[in-house]
Amino acid sequence: MEGVGAEGASAVAPLAKWRNDFSRAFQYYLDRSTPHPVQRWLGTLAVASIYILRVYYVQGFYIVSYGLGIYLLNLLIGFLSPKVDPELEVLDGASLPTKGSDEFKPFIRRLPEFKFW
């Protein structure tokens, strides 16, 4: 009985190592692409255009495209929404700072650009 468990563990070890190596390499390339936002967005638009052309010519994958569209819309809403909703905060009078001691809250996104991308 113990031999069967040992074989299963040894088969999982190379897979876990490969996954760890792949994850590390992927993160390396993501980190290298961080200072290039224009190229990232152009690449994303190019890949999206290729996918749209493929769906158009194959005339299929409509359900997959619909699900992908809903997912991307959800990400876009998170990207454009503030982290703290001012309507949900209890306001005591004026909402803008009137004194130097009042706290200024800048716009902070709920979903950062790099995670949205």
PDB file of N, CA and C in Angstrom:
ATOM      1  N   MET A   1       0.805  -1.183   0.000  1.00  0.00           N
ATOM      2  CA  MET A   1       0.000   0.000   0.000  1.00  0.00           C
ATOM      3  C   MET A   1       0.856   1.258   0.000  1.00  0.00           C
ATOM      4  N   GLU A   2       1.960   1.244   0.728  1.00  0.00           N
ATOM      5  CA  GLU A   2       2.787   2.436   0.800  1.00  0.00           C
ATOM      6  C   GLU A   2       3.477   2.703  -0.530  1.00  0.00           C
ATOM      7  N   GLY A   3       3.749   1.655  -1.309  1.00  0.00           N
ATOM      8  CA  GLY A   3       4.405   1.824  -2.595  1.00  0.00           C
ATOM      9  C   GLY A   3       3.546   2.595  -3.575  1.00  0.00           C
ATOM     10  N   VAL A   4       2.235   2.395  -3.537  1.00  0.00           N
ATOM     11  CA  VAL A   4       1.339   3.097  -4.447  1.00  0.00           C
ATOM     12  C   VAL A   4       1.339   4.587  -4.139  1.00  0.00           C
ATOM     13  N   GLY A   5       1.340   4.977  -2.884  1.00  0.00           N
ATOM     14  CA  GLY A   5       1.383   6.388  -2.495  1.00  0.00           C
ATOM     15  C   GLY A   5       2.691   7.033  -2.883  1.00  0.00           C
ATOM     16  N   ALA A   6       3.768   6.277  -2.774  1.00  0.00           N
ATOM     17  CA  ALA A   6       5.078   6.824  -3.125  1.00  0.00           C
ATOM     18  C   ALA A   6       5.177   7.084  -4.619  1.00  0.00           C
ATOM     19  N   GLU A   7       4.591   6.205  -5.439  1.00  0.00           N
ATOM     20  CA  GLU A   7       4.613   6.409  -6.882  1.00  0.00           C
ATOM     21  C   GLU A   7       3.790   7.639  -7.264  1.00  0.00           C
ATOM     22  N   GLY A   8       2.654   7.824  -6.599  1.00  0.00           N
ATOM     23  CA  GLY A   8       1.815   8.991  -6.878  1.00  0.00           C
ATOM     24  C   GLY A   8       2.530  10.282  -6.500  1.00  0.00           C
ATOM     25  N   ALA A   9       3.232  10.275  -5.383  1.00  0.00           N
ATOM     26  CA  ALA A   9       3.951  11.472  -4.944  1.00  0.00           C
ATOM     27  C   ALA A   9       5.109  11.791  -5.874  1.00  0.00           C
ATOM     28  N   SER A  10       5.791  10.754  -6.367  1.00  0.00           N
ATOM     29  CA  SER A  10       6.912  11.001  -7.268  1.00  0.00           C
ATOM     30  C   SER A  10       6.431  11.486  -8.627  1.00  0.00           C
ATOM     31  N   ALA A  11       5.222  11.102  -9.034  1.00  0.00           N
ATOM     32  CA  ALA A  11       4.686  11.573 -10.308  1.00  0.00           C
ATOM     33  C   ALA A  11       4.235  13.028 -10.201  1.00  0.00           C
ATOM     34  N   VAL A  12       3.819  13.454  -9.036  1.00  0.00           N
ATOM     35  CA  VAL A  12       3.350  14.821  -8.851  1.00  0.00           C
ATOM     36  C   VAL A  12       4.520  15.790  -8.727  1.00  0.00           C
ATOM     37  N   ALA A  13       5.633  15.345  -8.183  1.00  0.00           N
ATOM     38  CA  ALA A  13       6.780  16.226  -7.954  1.00  0.00           C
ATOM     39  C   ALA A  13       7.295  16.887  -9.238  1.00  0.00           C
ATOM     40  N   PRO A  14       7.486  16.165 -10.349  1.00  0.00           N
ATOM     41  CA  PRO A  14       7.947  16.850 -11.574  1.00  0.00           C
ATOM     42  C   PRO A  14       6.901  17.834 -12.114  1.00  0.00           C
ATOM     43  N   LEU A  15       5.628  17.486 -11.955  1.00  0.00           N
ATOM     44  CA  LEU A  15       4.583  18.391 -12.411  1.00  0.00           C
ATOM     45  C   LEU A  15       4.578  19.673 -11.585  1.00  0.00           C
ATOM     46  N   ALA A  16       4.755  19.547 -10.269  1.00  0.00           N
ATOM     47  CA  ALA A  16       4.803  20.730  -9.405  1.00  0.00           C
ATOM     48  C   ALA A  16       6.037  21.569  -9.722  1.00  0.00           C
ATOM     49  N   LYS A  17       7.164  20.929 -10.018  1.00  0.00           N
ATOM     50  CA  LYS A  17       8.384  21.663 -10.365  1.00  0.00           C
ATOM     51  C   LYS A  17       8.199  22.404 -11.689  1.00  0.00           C
ATOM     52  N   TRP A  18       7.591  21.726 -12.669  1.00  0.00           N
ATOM     53  CA  TRP A  18       7.354  22.372 -13.955  1.00  0.00           C
ATOM     54  C   TRP A  18       6.415  23.562 -13.790  1.00  0.00           C
ATOM     55  N   ARG A  19       5.365  23.399 -12.984  1.00  0.00           N
ATOM     56  CA  ARG A  19       4.423  24.487 -12.752  1.00  0.00           C
ATOM     57  C   ARG A  19       5.109  25.664 -12.061  1.00  0.00           C
ATOM     58  N   ASN A  20       5.955  25.376 -11.091  1.00  0.00           N
ATOM     59  CA  ASN A  20       6.676  26.436 -10.390  1.00  0.00           C
ATOM     60  C   ASN A  20       7.633  27.168 -11.341  1.00  0.00           C
ATOM     61  N   ASP A  21       8.340  26.418 -12.178  1.00  0.00           N
ATOM     62  CA  ASP A  21       9.257  27.029 -13.147  1.00  0.00           C
ATOM     63  C   ASP A  21       8.496  27.897 -14.155  1.00  0.00           C
ATOM     64  N   PHE A  22       7.358  27.389 -14.637  1.00  0.00           N
ATOM     65  CA  PHE A  22       6.552  28.143 -15.593  1.00  0.00           C
ATOM     66  C   PHE A  22       6.004  29.410 -14.952  1.00  0.00           C
ATOM     67  N   SER A  23       5.520  29.299 -13.724  1.00  0.00           N
ATOM     68  CA  SER A  23       4.987  30.457 -13.007  1.00  0.00           C
ATOM     69  C   SER A  23       6.065  31.514 -12.790  1.00  0.00           C
ATOM     70  N   ARG A  24       7.244  31.087 -12.452  1.00  0.00           N
ATOM     71  CA  ARG A  24       8.349  32.021 -12.233  1.00  0.00           C
ATOM     72  C   ARG A  24       8.763  32.716 -13.530  1.00  0.00           C
ATOM     73  N   ALA A  25       8.827  31.968 -14.631  1.00  0.00           N
ATOM     74  CA  ALA A  25       9.184  32.564 -15.921  1.00  0.00           C
ATOM     75  C   ALA A  25       8.100  33.537 -16.394  1.00  0.00           C
ATOM     76  N   PHE A  26       6.847  33.161 -16.204  1.00  0.00           N
ATOM     77  CA  PHE A  26       5.740  34.034 -16.594  1.00  0.00           C
ATOM     78  C   PHE A  26       5.773  35.333 -15.803  1.00  0.00           C
ATOM     79  N   GLN A  27       6.018  35.244 -14.510  1.00  0.00           N
ATOM     80  CA  GLN A  27       6.091  36.438 -13.671  1.00  0.00           C
ATOM     81  C   GLN A  27       7.282  37.314 -14.064  1.00  0.00           C
ATOM     82  N   TYR A  28       8.378  36.691 -14.478  1.00  0.00           N
ATOM     83  CA  TYR A  28       9.552  37.442 -14.932  1.00  0.00           C
ATOM     84  C   TYR A  28       9.187  38.306 -16.146  1.00  0.00           C
ATOM     85  N   TYR A  29       8.501  37.709 -17.124  1.00  0.00           N
ATOM     86  CA  TYR A  29       8.144  38.462 -18.318  1.00  0.00           C
ATOM     87  C   TYR A  29       7.066  39.508 -18.025  1.00  0.00           C
ATOM     88  N   LEU A  30       6.165  39.228 -17.098  1.00  0.00           N
ATOM     89  CA  LEU A  30       5.193  40.239 -16.691  1.00  0.00           C
ATOM     90  C   LEU A  30       5.893  41.431 -16.046  1.00  0.00           C
ATOM     91  N   ASP A  31       6.870  41.159 -15.190  1.00  0.00           N
ATOM     92  CA  ASP A  31       7.612  42.238 -14.542  1.00  0.00           C
ATOM     93  C   ASP A  31       8.397  43.071 -15.557  1.00  0.00           C
ATOM     94  N   ARG A  32       8.918  42.414 -16.586  1.00  0.00           N
ATOM     95  CA  ARG A  32       9.664  43.154 -17.612  1.00  0.00           C
ATOM     96  C   ARG A  32       8.758  44.013 -18.470  1.00  0.00           C
ATOM     97  N   SER A  33       7.479  43.625 -18.600  1.00  0.00           N
ATOM     98  CA  SER A  33       6.552  44.392 -19.437  1.00  0.00           C
ATOM     99  C   SER A  33       5.907  45.557 -18.687  1.00  0.00           C
ATOM    100  N   THR A  34       6.124  45.673 -17.393  1.00  0.00           N
ATOM    101  CA  THR A  34       5.476  46.712 -16.595  1.00  0.00           C
ATOM    102  C   THR A  34       5.784  48.126 -17.075  1.00  0.00           C
ATOM    103  N   PRO A  35       7.018  48.485 -17.409  1.00  0.00           N
ATOM    104  CA  PRO A  35       7.268  49.874 -17.821  1.00  0.00           C
ATOM    105  C   PRO A  35       6.825  50.210 -19.245  1.00  0.00           C
ATOM    106  N   HIS A  36       6.170  49.292 -19.936  1.00  0.00           N
ATOM    107  CA  HIS A  36       5.769  49.514 -21.334  1.00  0.00           C
ATOM    108  C   HIS A  36       4.249  49.411 -21.480  1.00  0.00           C
ATOM    109  N   PRO A  37       3.474  50.375 -20.950  1.00  0.00           N
ATOM    110  CA  PRO A  37       2.010  50.241 -21.005  1.00  0.00           C
ATOM    111  C   PRO A  37       1.442  50.357 -22.419  1.00  0.00           C
ATOM    112  N   VAL A  38       2.015  51.207 -23.265  1.00  0.00           N
ATOM    113  CA  VAL A  38       1.479  51.376 -24.620  1.00  0.00           C
ATOM    114  C   VAL A  38       1.644  50.082 -25.414  1.00  0.00           C
ATOM    115  N   GLN A  39       2.807  49.463 -25.326  1.00  0.00           N
ATOM    116  CA  GLN A  39       3.032  48.215 -26.045  1.00  0.00           C
ATOM    117  C   GLN A  39       2.138  47.096 -25.507  1.00  0.00           C
ATOM    118  N   ARG A  40       1.906  47.075 -24.187  1.00  0.00           N
ATOM    119  CA  ARG A  40       1.008  46.067 -23.605  1.00  0.00           C
ATOM    120  C   ARG A  40      -0.398  46.214 -24.155  1.00  0.00           C
ATOM    121  N   TRP A  41      -0.896  47.455 -24.193  1.00  0.00           N
ATOM    122  CA  TRP A  41      -2.258  47.674 -24.672  1.00  0.00           C
ATOM    123  C   TRP A  41      -2.364  47.409 -26.171  1.00  0.00           C
ATOM    124  N   LEU A  42      -1.335  47.765 -26.928  1.00  0.00           N
ATOM    125  CA  LEU A  42      -1.360  47.458 -28.363  1.00  0.00           C
ATOM    126  C   LEU A  42      -1.341  45.948 -28.608  1.00  0.00           C
ATOM    127  N   GLY A  43      -0.541  45.232 -27.840  1.00  0.00           N
ATOM    128  CA  GLY A  43      -0.519  43.774 -27.947  1.00  0.00           C
ATOM    129  C   GLY A  43      -1.852  43.149 -27.578  1.00  0.00           C
ATOM    130  N   THR A  44      -2.479  43.696 -26.536  1.00  0.00           N
ATOM    131  CA  THR A  44      -3.786  43.188 -26.124  1.00  0.00           C
ATOM    132  C   THR A  44      -4.824  43.438 -27.218  1.00  0.00           C
ATOM    133  N   LEU A  45      -4.788  44.629 -27.807  1.00  0.00           N
ATOM    134  CA  LEU A  45      -5.728  44.928 -28.899  1.00  0.00           C
ATOM    135  C   LEU A  45      -5.475  44.046 -30.117  1.00  0.00           C
ATOM    136  N   ALA A  46      -4.216  43.738 -30.403  1.00  0.00           N
ATOM    137  CA  ALA A  46      -3.896  42.868 -31.528  1.00  0.00           C
ATOM    138  C   ALA A  46      -4.438  41.457 -31.291  1.00  0.00           C
ATOM    139  N   VAL A  47      -4.250  40.936 -30.094  1.00  0.00           N
ATOM    140  CA  VAL A  47      -4.757  39.591 -29.783  1.00  0.00           C
ATOM    141  C   VAL A  47      -6.281  39.574 -29.814  1.00  0.00           C
ATOM    142  N   ALA A  48      -6.917  40.631 -29.299  1.00  0.00           N
ATOM    143  CA  ALA A  48      -8.378  40.710 -29.329  1.00  0.00           C
ATOM    144  C   ALA A  48      -8.880  40.789 -30.772  1.00  0.00           C
ATOM    145  N   SER A  49      -8.181  41.525 -31.621  1.00  0.00           N
ATOM    146  CA  SER A  49      -8.574  41.624 -33.030  1.00  0.00           C
ATOM    147  C   SER A  49      -8.462  40.278 -33.729  1.00  0.00           C
ATOM    148  N   ILE A  50      -7.408  39.548 -33.455  1.00  0.00           N
ATOM    149  CA  ILE A  50      -7.246  38.216 -34.044  1.00  0.00           C
ATOM    150  C   ILE A  50      -8.372  37.300 -33.592  1.00  0.00           C
ATOM    151  N   TYR A  51      -8.745  37.376 -32.307  1.00  0.00           N
ATOM    152  CA  TYR A  51      -9.842  36.546 -31.803  1.00  0.00           C
ATOM    153  C   TYR A  51     -11.164  36.927 -32.472  1.00  0.00           C
ATOM    154  N   ILE A  52     -11.418  38.224 -32.637  1.00  0.00           N
ATOM    155  CA  ILE A  52     -12.661  38.666 -33.268  1.00  0.00           C
ATOM    156  C   ILE A  52     -12.717  38.213 -34.725  1.00  0.00           C
ATOM    157  N   LEU A  53     -11.599  38.332 -35.443  1.00  0.00           N
ATOM    158  CA  LEU A  53     -11.556  37.855 -36.833  1.00  0.00           C
ATOM    159  C   LEU A  53     -11.771  36.341 -36.916  1.00  0.00           C
ATOM    160  N   ARG A  54     -11.213  35.610 -35.968  1.00  0.00           N
ATOM    161  CA  ARG A  54     -11.394  34.154 -35.957  1.00  0.00           C
ATOM    162  C   ARG A  54     -12.857  33.792 -35.732  1.00  0.00           C
ATOM    163  N   VAL A  55     -13.496  34.456 -34.801  1.00  0.00           N
ATOM    164  CA  VAL A  55     -14.913  34.197 -34.536  1.00  0.00           C
ATOM    165  C   VAL A  55     -15.747  34.562 -35.762  1.00  0.00           C
ATOM    166  N   TYR A  56     -15.401  35.647 -36.422  1.00  0.00           N
ATOM    167  CA  TYR A  56     -16.142  36.079 -37.604  1.00  0.00           C
ATOM    168  C   TYR A  56     -16.009  35.078 -38.750  1.00  0.00           C
ATOM    169  N   TYR A  57     -14.797  34.605 -39.011  1.00  0.00           N
ATOM    170  CA  TYR A  57     -14.593  33.694 -40.132  1.00  0.00           C
ATOM    171  C   TYR A  57     -15.072  32.282 -39.841  1.00  0.00           C
ATOM    172  N   VAL A  58     -14.937  31.817 -38.621  1.00  0.00           N
ATOM    173  CA  VAL A  58     -15.404  30.474 -38.267  1.00  0.00           C
ATOM    174  C   VAL A  58     -16.916  30.481 -38.067  1.00  0.00           C
ATOM    175  N   GLN A  59     -17.461  31.623 -37.711  1.00  0.00           N
ATOM    176  CA  GLN A  59     -18.874  31.802 -37.389  1.00  0.00           C
ATOM    177  C   GLN A  59     -19.309  30.830 -36.299  1.00  0.00           C
ATOM    178  N   GLY A  60     -18.559  30.886 -35.223  1.00  0.00           N
ATOM    179  CA  GLY A  60     -18.850  30.051 -34.064  1.00  0.00           C
ATOM    180  C   GLY A  60     -18.297  30.708 -32.819  1.00  0.00           C
ATOM    181  N   PHE A  61     -18.295  29.972 -31.739  1.00  0.00           N
ATOM    182  CA  PHE A  61     -17.756  30.430 -30.459  1.00  0.00           C
ATOM    183  C   PHE A  61     -18.538  31.623 -29.905  1.00  0.00           C
ATOM    184  N   TYR A  62     -19.825  31.722 -30.234  1.00  0.00           N
ATOM    185  CA  TYR A  62     -20.593  32.871 -29.772  1.00  0.00           C
ATOM    186  C   TYR A  62     -20.825  32.829 -28.261  1.00  0.00           C
ATOM    187  N   ILE A  63     -21.075  31.654 -27.724  1.00  0.00           N
ATOM    188  CA  ILE A  63     -21.308  31.542 -26.278  1.00  0.00           C
ATOM    189  C   ILE A  63     -20.020  31.837 -25.517  1.00  0.00           C
ATOM    190  N   VAL A  64     -18.896  31.341 -26.023  1.00  0.00           N
ATOM    191  CA  VAL A  64     -17.607  31.620 -25.396  1.00  0.00           C
ATOM    192  C   VAL A  64     -17.322  33.122 -25.461  1.00  0.00           C
ATOM    193  N   SER A  65     -17.602  33.741 -26.597  1.00  0.00           N
ATOM    194  CA  SER A  65     -17.372  35.176 -26.753  1.00  0.00           C
ATOM    195  C   SER A  65     -18.287  35.979 -25.834  1.00  0.00           C
ATOM    196  N   TYR A  66     -19.523  35.524 -25.673  1.00  0.00           N
ATOM    197  CA  TYR A  66     -20.462  36.203 -24.783  1.00  0.00           C
ATOM    198  C   TYR A  66     -19.953  36.146 -23.344  1.00  0.00           C
ATOM    199  N   GLY A  67     -19.510  34.975 -22.898  1.00  0.00           N
ATOM    200  CA  GLY A  67     -18.957  34.836 -21.549  1.00  0.00           C
ATOM    201  C   GLY A  67     -17.701  35.670 -21.367  1.00  0.00           C
ATOM    202  N   LEU A  68     -16.829  35.684 -22.364  1.00  0.00           N
ATOM    203  CA  LEU A  68     -15.619  36.499 -22.307  1.00  0.00           C
ATOM    204  C   LEU A  68     -15.960  37.986 -22.257  1.00  0.00           C
ATOM    205  N   GLY A  69     -16.972  38.390 -23.011  1.00  0.00           N
ATOM    206  CA  GLY A  69     -17.396  39.788 -22.993  1.00  0.00           C
ATOM    207  C   GLY A  69     -17.926  40.207 -21.629  1.00  0.00           C
ATOM    208  N   ILE A  70     -18.707  39.342 -20.983  1.00  0.00           N
ATOM    209  CA  ILE A  70     -19.215  39.648 -19.647  1.00  0.00           C
ATOM    210  C   ILE A  70     -18.063  39.745 -18.652  1.00  0.00           C
ATOM    211  N   TYR A  71     -17.104  38.843 -18.766  1.00  0.00           N
ATOM    212  CA  TYR A  71     -15.945  38.872 -17.868  1.00  0.00           C
ATOM    213  C   TYR A  71     -15.142  40.160 -18.055  1.00  0.00           C
ATOM    214  N   LEU A  72     -14.895  40.544 -19.308  1.00  0.00           N
ATOM    215  CA  LEU A  72     -14.136  41.772 -19.575  1.00  0.00           C
ATOM    216  C   LEU A  72     -14.907  43.014 -19.136  1.00  0.00           C
ATOM    217  N   LEU A  73     -16.228  43.001 -19.282  1.00  0.00           N
ATOM    218  CA  LEU A  73     -17.030  44.124 -18.812  1.00  0.00           C
ATOM    219  C   LEU A  73     -16.954  44.244 -17.293  1.00  0.00           C
ATOM    220  N   ASN A  74     -16.965  43.105 -16.605  1.00  0.00           N
ATOM    221  CA  ASN A  74     -16.823  43.111 -15.147  1.00  0.00           C
ATOM    222  C   ASN A  74     -15.465  43.690 -14.743  1.00  0.00           C
ATOM    223  N   LEU A  75     -14.399  43.317 -15.452  1.00  0.00           N
ATOM    224  CA  LEU A  75     -13.080  43.886 -15.175  1.00  0.00           C
ATOM    225  C   LEU A  75     -13.042  45.388 -15.452  1.00  0.00           C
ATOM    226  N   LEU A  76     -13.688  45.817 -16.529  1.00  0.00           N
ATOM    227  CA  LEU A  76     -13.710  47.242 -16.871  1.00  0.00           C
ATOM    228  C   LEU A  76     -14.442  48.052 -15.803  1.00  0.00           C
ATOM    229  N   ILE A  77     -15.539  47.517 -15.306  1.00  0.00           N
ATOM    230  CA  ILE A  77     -16.277  48.215 -14.245  1.00  0.00           C
ATOM    231  C   ILE A  77     -15.407  48.321 -12.995  1.00  0.00           C
ATOM    232  N   GLY A  78     -14.699  47.256 -12.653  1.00  0.00           N
ATOM    233  CA  GLY A  78     -13.799  47.311 -11.507  1.00  0.00           C
ATOM    234  C   GLY A  78     -12.661  48.284 -11.711  1.00  0.00           C
ATOM    235  N   PHE A  79     -12.185  48.399 -12.957  1.00  0.00           N
ATOM    236  CA  PHE A  79     -11.083  49.312 -13.268  1.00  0.00           C
ATOM    237  C   PHE A  79     -11.528  50.766 -13.177  1.00  0.00           C
ATOM    238  N   LEU A  80     -12.762  51.062 -13.564  1.00  0.00           N
ATOM    239  CA  LEU A  80     -13.248  52.434 -13.575  1.00  0.00           C
ATOM    240  C   LEU A  80     -13.901  52.859 -12.262  1.00  0.00           C
ATOM    241  N   SER A  81     -14.144  51.916 -11.372  1.00  0.00           N
ATOM    242  CA  SER A  81     -14.817  52.226 -10.106  1.00  0.00           C
ATOM    243  C   SER A  81     -13.802  52.616  -9.038  1.00  0.00           C
ATOM    244  N   PRO A  82     -14.196  53.514  -8.132  1.00  0.00           N
ATOM    245  CA  PRO A  82     -13.295  53.855  -7.028  1.00  0.00           C
ATOM    246  C   PRO A  82     -13.249  52.743  -5.995  1.00  0.00           C
ATOM    247  N   LYS A  83     -12.151  52.676  -5.277  1.00  0.00           N
ATOM    248  CA  LYS A  83     -11.985  51.644  -4.252  1.00  0.00           C
ATOM    249  C   LYS A  83     -12.986  51.838  -3.123  1.00  0.00           C
ATOM    250  N   VAL A  84     -13.200  53.085  -2.732  1.00  0.00           N
ATOM    251  CA  VAL A  84     -14.161  53.406  -1.678  1.00  0.00           C
ATOM    252  C   VAL A  84     -15.297  54.182  -2.313  1.00  0.00           C
ATOM    253  N   ASP A  85     -16.520  53.682  -2.188  1.00  0.00           N
ATOM    254  CA  ASP A  85     -17.679  54.340  -2.773  1.00  0.00           C
ATOM    255  C   ASP A  85     -18.104  55.507  -1.889  1.00  0.00           C
ATOM    256  N   PRO A  86     -18.049  56.738  -2.391  1.00  0.00           N
ATOM    257  CA  PRO A  86     -18.390  57.886  -1.544  1.00  0.00           C
ATOM    258  C   PRO A  86     -19.860  57.904  -1.134  1.00  0.00           C
ATOM    259  N   GLU A  87     -20.743  57.278  -1.902  1.00  0.00           N
ATOM    260  CA  GLU A  87     -22.155  57.256  -1.544  1.00  0.00           C
ATOM    261  C   GLU A  87     -22.422  56.372  -0.339  1.00  0.00           C
ATOM    262  N   LEU A  88     -21.586  55.366  -0.135  1.00  0.00           N
ATOM    263  CA  LEU A  88     -21.787  54.465   0.993  1.00  0.00           C
ATOM    264  C   LEU A  88     -21.196  55.006   2.287  1.00  0.00           C
ATOM    265  N   GLU A  89     -20.282  55.967   2.179  1.00  0.00           N
ATOM    266  CA  GLU A  89     -19.696  56.563   3.376  1.00  0.00           C
ATOM    267  C   GLU A  89     -20.690  57.525   4.006  1.00  0.00           C
ATOM    268  N   VAL A  90     -20.687  57.587   5.304  1.00  0.00           N
ATOM    269  CA  VAL A  90     -21.551  58.527   6.001  1.00  0.00           C
ATOM    270  C   VAL A  90     -20.911  59.905   5.910  1.00  0.00           C
ATOM    271  N   LEU A  91     -21.645  60.836   5.342  1.00  0.00           N
ATOM    272  CA  LEU A  91     -21.114  62.187   5.172  1.00  0.00           C
ATOM    273  C   LEU A  91     -21.700  63.097   6.242  1.00  0.00           C
ATOM    274  N   ASP A  92     -20.855  63.842   6.887  1.00  0.00           N
ATOM    275  CA  ASP A  92     -21.290  64.816   7.881  1.00  0.00           C
ATOM    276  C   ASP A  92     -21.210  66.204   7.264  1.00  0.00           C
ATOM    277  N   GLY A  93     -22.214  66.584   6.519  1.00  0.00           N
ATOM    278  CA  GLY A  93     -22.213  67.914   5.911  1.00  0.00           C
ATOM    279  C   GLY A  93     -21.585  67.889   4.533  1.00  0.00           C
ATOM    280  N   ALA A  94     -20.623  68.774   4.295  1.00  0.00           N
ATOM    281  CA  ALA A  94     -19.996  68.920   2.978  1.00  0.00           C
ATOM    282  C   ALA A  94     -19.123  67.717   2.653  1.00  0.00           C
ATOM    283  N   SER A  95     -19.080  67.378   1.377  1.00  0.00           N
ATOM    284  CA  SER A  95     -18.287  66.227   0.968  1.00  0.00           C
ATOM    285  C   SER A  95     -16.873  66.612   0.540  1.00  0.00           C
ATOM    286  N   LEU A  96     -16.651  67.885   0.226  1.00  0.00           N
ATOM    287  CA  LEU A  96     -15.311  68.323  -0.167  1.00  0.00           C
ATOM    288  C   LEU A  96     -14.571  68.867   1.053  1.00  0.00           C
ATOM    289  N   PRO A  97     -13.250  68.737   1.080  1.00  0.00           N
ATOM    290  CA  PRO A  97     -12.510  69.289   2.218  1.00  0.00           C
ATOM    291  C   PRO A  97     -12.602  70.816   2.232  1.00  0.00           C
ATOM    292  N   THR A  98     -12.904  71.372   3.395  1.00  0.00           N
ATOM    293  CA  THR A  98     -13.040  72.823   3.516  1.00  0.00           C
ATOM    294  C   THR A  98     -11.928  73.431   4.345  1.00  0.00           C
ATOM    295  N   LYS A  99     -11.217  72.620   5.114  1.00  0.00           N
ATOM    296  CA  LYS A  99     -10.118  73.110   5.945  1.00  0.00           C
ATOM    297  C   LYS A  99      -8.848  72.366   5.572  1.00  0.00           C
ATOM    298  N   GLY A 100      -7.726  72.889   6.043  1.00  0.00           N
ATOM    299  CA  GLY A 100      -6.457  72.221   5.792  1.00  0.00           C
ATOM    300  C   GLY A 100      -6.328  70.915   6.552  1.00  0.00           C
ATOM    301  N   SER A 101      -7.106  70.763   7.621  1.00  0.00           N
ATOM    302  CA  SER A 101      -7.013  69.541   8.413  1.00  0.00           C
ATOM    303  C   SER A 101      -7.904  68.432   7.864  1.00  0.00           C
ATOM    304  N   ASP A 102      -8.818  68.764   6.933  1.00  0.00           N
ATOM    305  CA  ASP A 102      -9.666  67.729   6.345  1.00  0.00           C
ATOM    306  C   ASP A 102      -8.828  66.813   5.466  1.00  0.00           C
ATOM    307  N   GLU A 103      -9.239  65.566   5.433  1.00  0.00           N
ATOM    308  CA  GLU A 103      -8.476  64.577   4.681  1.00  0.00           C
ATOM    309  C   GLU A 103      -8.875  64.612   3.216  1.00  0.00           C
ATOM    310  N   PHE A 104      -7.874  64.645   2.332  1.00  0.00           N
ATOM    311  CA  PHE A 104      -8.108  64.567   0.897  1.00  0.00           C
ATOM    312  C   PHE A 104      -7.977  63.116   0.466  1.00  0.00           C
ATOM    313  N   LYS A 105      -8.996  62.596  -0.195  1.00  0.00           N
ATOM    314  CA  LYS A 105      -8.961  61.207  -0.645  1.00  0.00           C
ATOM    315  C   LYS A 105      -8.868  61.191  -2.168  1.00  0.00           C
ATOM    316  N   PRO A 106      -7.716  60.834  -2.708  1.00  0.00           N
ATOM    317  CA  PRO A 106      -7.583  60.785  -4.167  1.00  0.00           C
ATOM    318  C   PRO A 106      -8.333  59.577  -4.730  1.00  0.00           C
ATOM    319  N   PHE A 107      -8.512  59.596  -6.036  1.00  0.00           N
ATOM    320  CA  PHE A 107      -9.194  58.486  -6.705  1.00  0.00           C
ATOM    321  C   PHE A 107      -8.268  57.270  -6.735  1.00  0.00           C
ATOM    322  N   ILE A 108      -8.704  56.219  -6.107  1.00  0.00           N
ATOM    323  CA  ILE A 108      -7.955  54.961  -6.110  1.00  0.00           C
ATOM    324  C   ILE A 108      -8.846  53.914  -6.758  1.00  0.00           C
ATOM    325  N   ARG A 109      -8.324  53.248  -7.759  1.00  0.00           N
ATOM    326  CA  ARG A 109      -9.116  52.257  -8.492  1.00  0.00           C
ATOM    327  C   ARG A 109      -9.335  51.000  -7.663  1.00  0.00           C
ATOM    328  N   ARG A 110     -10.478  50.359  -7.883  1.00  0.00           N
ATOM    329  CA  ARG A 110     -10.766  49.090  -7.219  1.00  0.00           C
ATOM    330  C   ARG A 110      -9.888  47.981  -7.808  1.00  0.00           C
ATOM    331  N   LEU A 111      -9.632  48.054  -9.107  1.00  0.00           N
ATOM    332  CA  LEU A 111      -8.803  47.068  -9.795  1.00  0.00           C
ATOM    333  C   LEU A 111      -7.654  47.803 -10.467  1.00  0.00           C
ATOM    334  N   PRO A 112      -6.401  47.536 -10.080  1.00  0.00           N
ATOM    335  CA  PRO A 112      -5.267  48.239 -10.702  1.00  0.00           C
ATOM    336  C   PRO A 112      -5.152  47.929 -12.201  1.00  0.00           C
ATOM    337  N   GLU A 113      -4.469  48.812 -12.924  1.00  0.00           N
ATOM    338  CA  GLU A 113      -4.349  48.657 -14.379  1.00  0.00           C
ATOM    339  C   GLU A 113      -3.671  47.348 -14.769  1.00  0.00           C
ATOM    340  N   PHE A 114      -2.616  46.988 -14.048  1.00  0.00           N
ATOM    341  CA  PHE A 114      -1.863  45.793 -14.442  1.00  0.00           C
ATOM    342  C   PHE A 114      -2.695  44.530 -14.266  1.00  0.00           C
ATOM    343  N   LYS A 115      -3.534  44.488 -13.236  1.00  0.00           N
ATOM    344  CA  LYS A 115      -4.411  43.319 -13.059  1.00  0.00           C
ATOM    345  C   LYS A 115      -5.542  43.344 -14.064  1.00  0.00           C
ATOM    346  N   PHE A 116      -5.995  44.533 -14.449  1.00  0.00           N
ATOM    347  CA  PHE A 116      -7.032  44.642 -15.482  1.00  0.00           C
ATOM    348  C   PHE A 116      -6.486  44.173 -16.820  1.00  0.00           C
ATOM    349  N   TRP A 117      -5.259  44.542 -17.112  1.00  0.00           N
ATOM    350  CA  TRP A 117      -4.633  44.146 -18.373  1.00  0.00           C
ATOM    351  C   TRP A 117      -4.464  42.639 -18.383  1.00  0.00           C
TER     352      TRP A 117
END
